Each structure stands twice: as structure tokens, then as C-alpha cells.
Amino acid sequence: MLKAYILINTRIGRTAEVARRLKEMPEVRRLDVIMGPYDIIAEVETEDHDALSDMVLSKIQTIDDIQHTMTCPVVRLEVV
């Protein structure tokens, strides 16, 4: 499984609607509306990088009220 955080900018006044649509997606494990340079942060899980790319491109970025996304996959770093 691959975990990632997706930072999302929405059109003004449309954050709640975008959050509602994102919560319907089975890949979204947690979602928070935040203040700052982004409006929403979503924690997602997919099978691999290809599935993550497909989800972002075909599901998330097709929502009309989303203006910008930044996808941050979690890296598993082993410290020796």
C-alpha cells in the first residue's frame, strides 16, 4: 500500500462541496479542511504509484472546483 497526502486549493466558497465529494472516494482515509496556502489536506491510500497517479488525474483533478493539487507520497525511510 502507498500512503500520500494531497494538498488541495479550491475555488472561493466551494471548499465544503469539494470536501463532500472527496469523502465519497474509497481511497480517502482522512480529510481535513485547513487554513493557510491550501484549503484541504487529504490522506489517501492506493495500491502503488500508478494507482495514485490515476486517482489524482482521473478522480480528484476532474472536480471542477479544484484549482490546484500537490501530491506528497509518504516515503518509508529506514534509519540504520
Protein backbone atom coordinates (compact mmCIF):
# COMPACT_ATOMS: atom_id res chain seq x y z
CA MET A 1 0.00 0.00 0.00
CA LEU A 2 1.09 3.53 -0.75
CA LYS A 3 0.04 6.40 1.51
CA ALA A 4 0.08 10.00 0.29
CA TYR A 5 -1.09 13.42 1.36
CA ILE A 6 -2.81 15.57 -1.24
CA LEU A 7 -2.91 19.32 -0.63
CA ILE A 8 -5.80 20.97 -2.45
CA ASN A 9 -6.75 24.52 -3.39
CA THR A 10 -10.42 25.13 -4.16
CA ARG A 11 -12.38 28.00 -5.66
CA ILE A 12 -13.53 30.52 -3.07
CA GLY A 13 -16.70 29.35 -1.35
CA ARG A 14 -16.51 25.79 -2.75
CA THR A 15 -14.33 24.07 -0.14
CA ALA A 16 -17.22 22.32 1.67
CA GLU A 17 -18.59 20.90 -1.61
CA VAL A 18 -15.15 19.65 -2.67
CA ALA A 19 -14.63 18.05 0.76
CA ARG A 20 -18.00 16.30 0.49
CA ARG A 21 -17.07 14.82 -2.91
CA LEU A 22 -13.63 13.73 -1.74
CA LYS A 23 -15.08 11.93 1.30
CA GLU A 24 -17.07 9.72 -1.10
CA MET A 25 -13.86 8.30 -2.60
CA PRO A 26 -12.80 4.97 -1.09
CA GLU A 27 -9.09 5.88 -1.33
CA VAL A 28 -9.54 8.88 1.00
CA ARG A 29 -8.74 7.73 4.55
CA ARG A 30 -8.85 11.12 6.26
CA LEU A 31 -9.70 14.63 5.17
CA ASP A 32 -9.25 17.96 6.93
CA VAL A 33 -10.20 21.48 5.91
CA ILE A 34 -7.25 23.68 6.81
CA MET A 35 -6.22 27.33 6.84
CA GLY A 36 -3.15 28.59 5.01
CA PRO A 37 -1.94 28.27 1.43
CA TYR A 38 -4.14 25.17 0.90
CA ASP A 39 -7.82 24.60 1.72
CA ILE A 40 -7.93 20.82 2.16
CA ILE A 41 -5.48 18.08 3.05
CA ALA A 42 -6.48 14.52 2.19
CA GLU A 43 -4.71 11.39 3.35
CA VAL A 44 -5.14 8.69 0.72
CA GLU A 45 -4.06 5.08 0.27
CA THR A 46 -3.64 3.30 -3.05
CA GLU A 47 -2.02 0.06 -4.20
CA ASP A 48 1.00 1.74 -5.81
CA HIS A 49 2.28 4.89 -7.56
CA ASP A 50 0.37 4.09 -10.76
CA ALA A 51 -2.91 3.82 -8.87
CA LEU A 52 -2.13 7.07 -7.04
CA SER A 53 -1.43 8.89 -10.31
CA ASP A 54 -4.63 7.53 -11.83
CA MET A 55 -6.69 8.58 -8.82
CA VAL A 56 -5.28 12.11 -8.77
CA LEU A 57 -5.64 12.63 -12.52
CA SER A 58 -8.97 10.93 -13.15
CA LYS A 59 -10.87 11.48 -9.90
CA ILE A 60 -9.50 14.45 -7.97
CA GLN A 61 -8.32 16.85 -10.66
CA THR A 62 -11.57 16.39 -12.59
CA ILE A 63 -13.58 18.07 -9.81
CA ASP A 64 -14.45 21.47 -11.30
CA ASP A 65 -13.98 23.47 -8.10
CA ILE A 66 -10.40 22.28 -7.53
CA GLN A 67 -7.84 24.79 -8.79
CA HIS A 68 -4.56 23.13 -7.79
CA THR A 69 -3.26 19.99 -6.10
CA MET A 70 0.09 18.93 -4.68
CA THR A 71 0.60 15.21 -4.13
CA CYS A 72 3.08 14.13 -1.46
CA PRO A 73 3.67 10.35 -1.30
CA VAL A 74 4.93 9.06 2.05
CA VAL A 75 8.45 7.62 1.86
CA ARG A 76 9.43 4.73 4.04
CA LEU A 77 12.90 5.56 5.28
CA GLU A 78 14.82 3.03 7.31
CA VAL A 79 17.32 4.52 9.70
CA VAL A 80 20.25 2.21 10.46
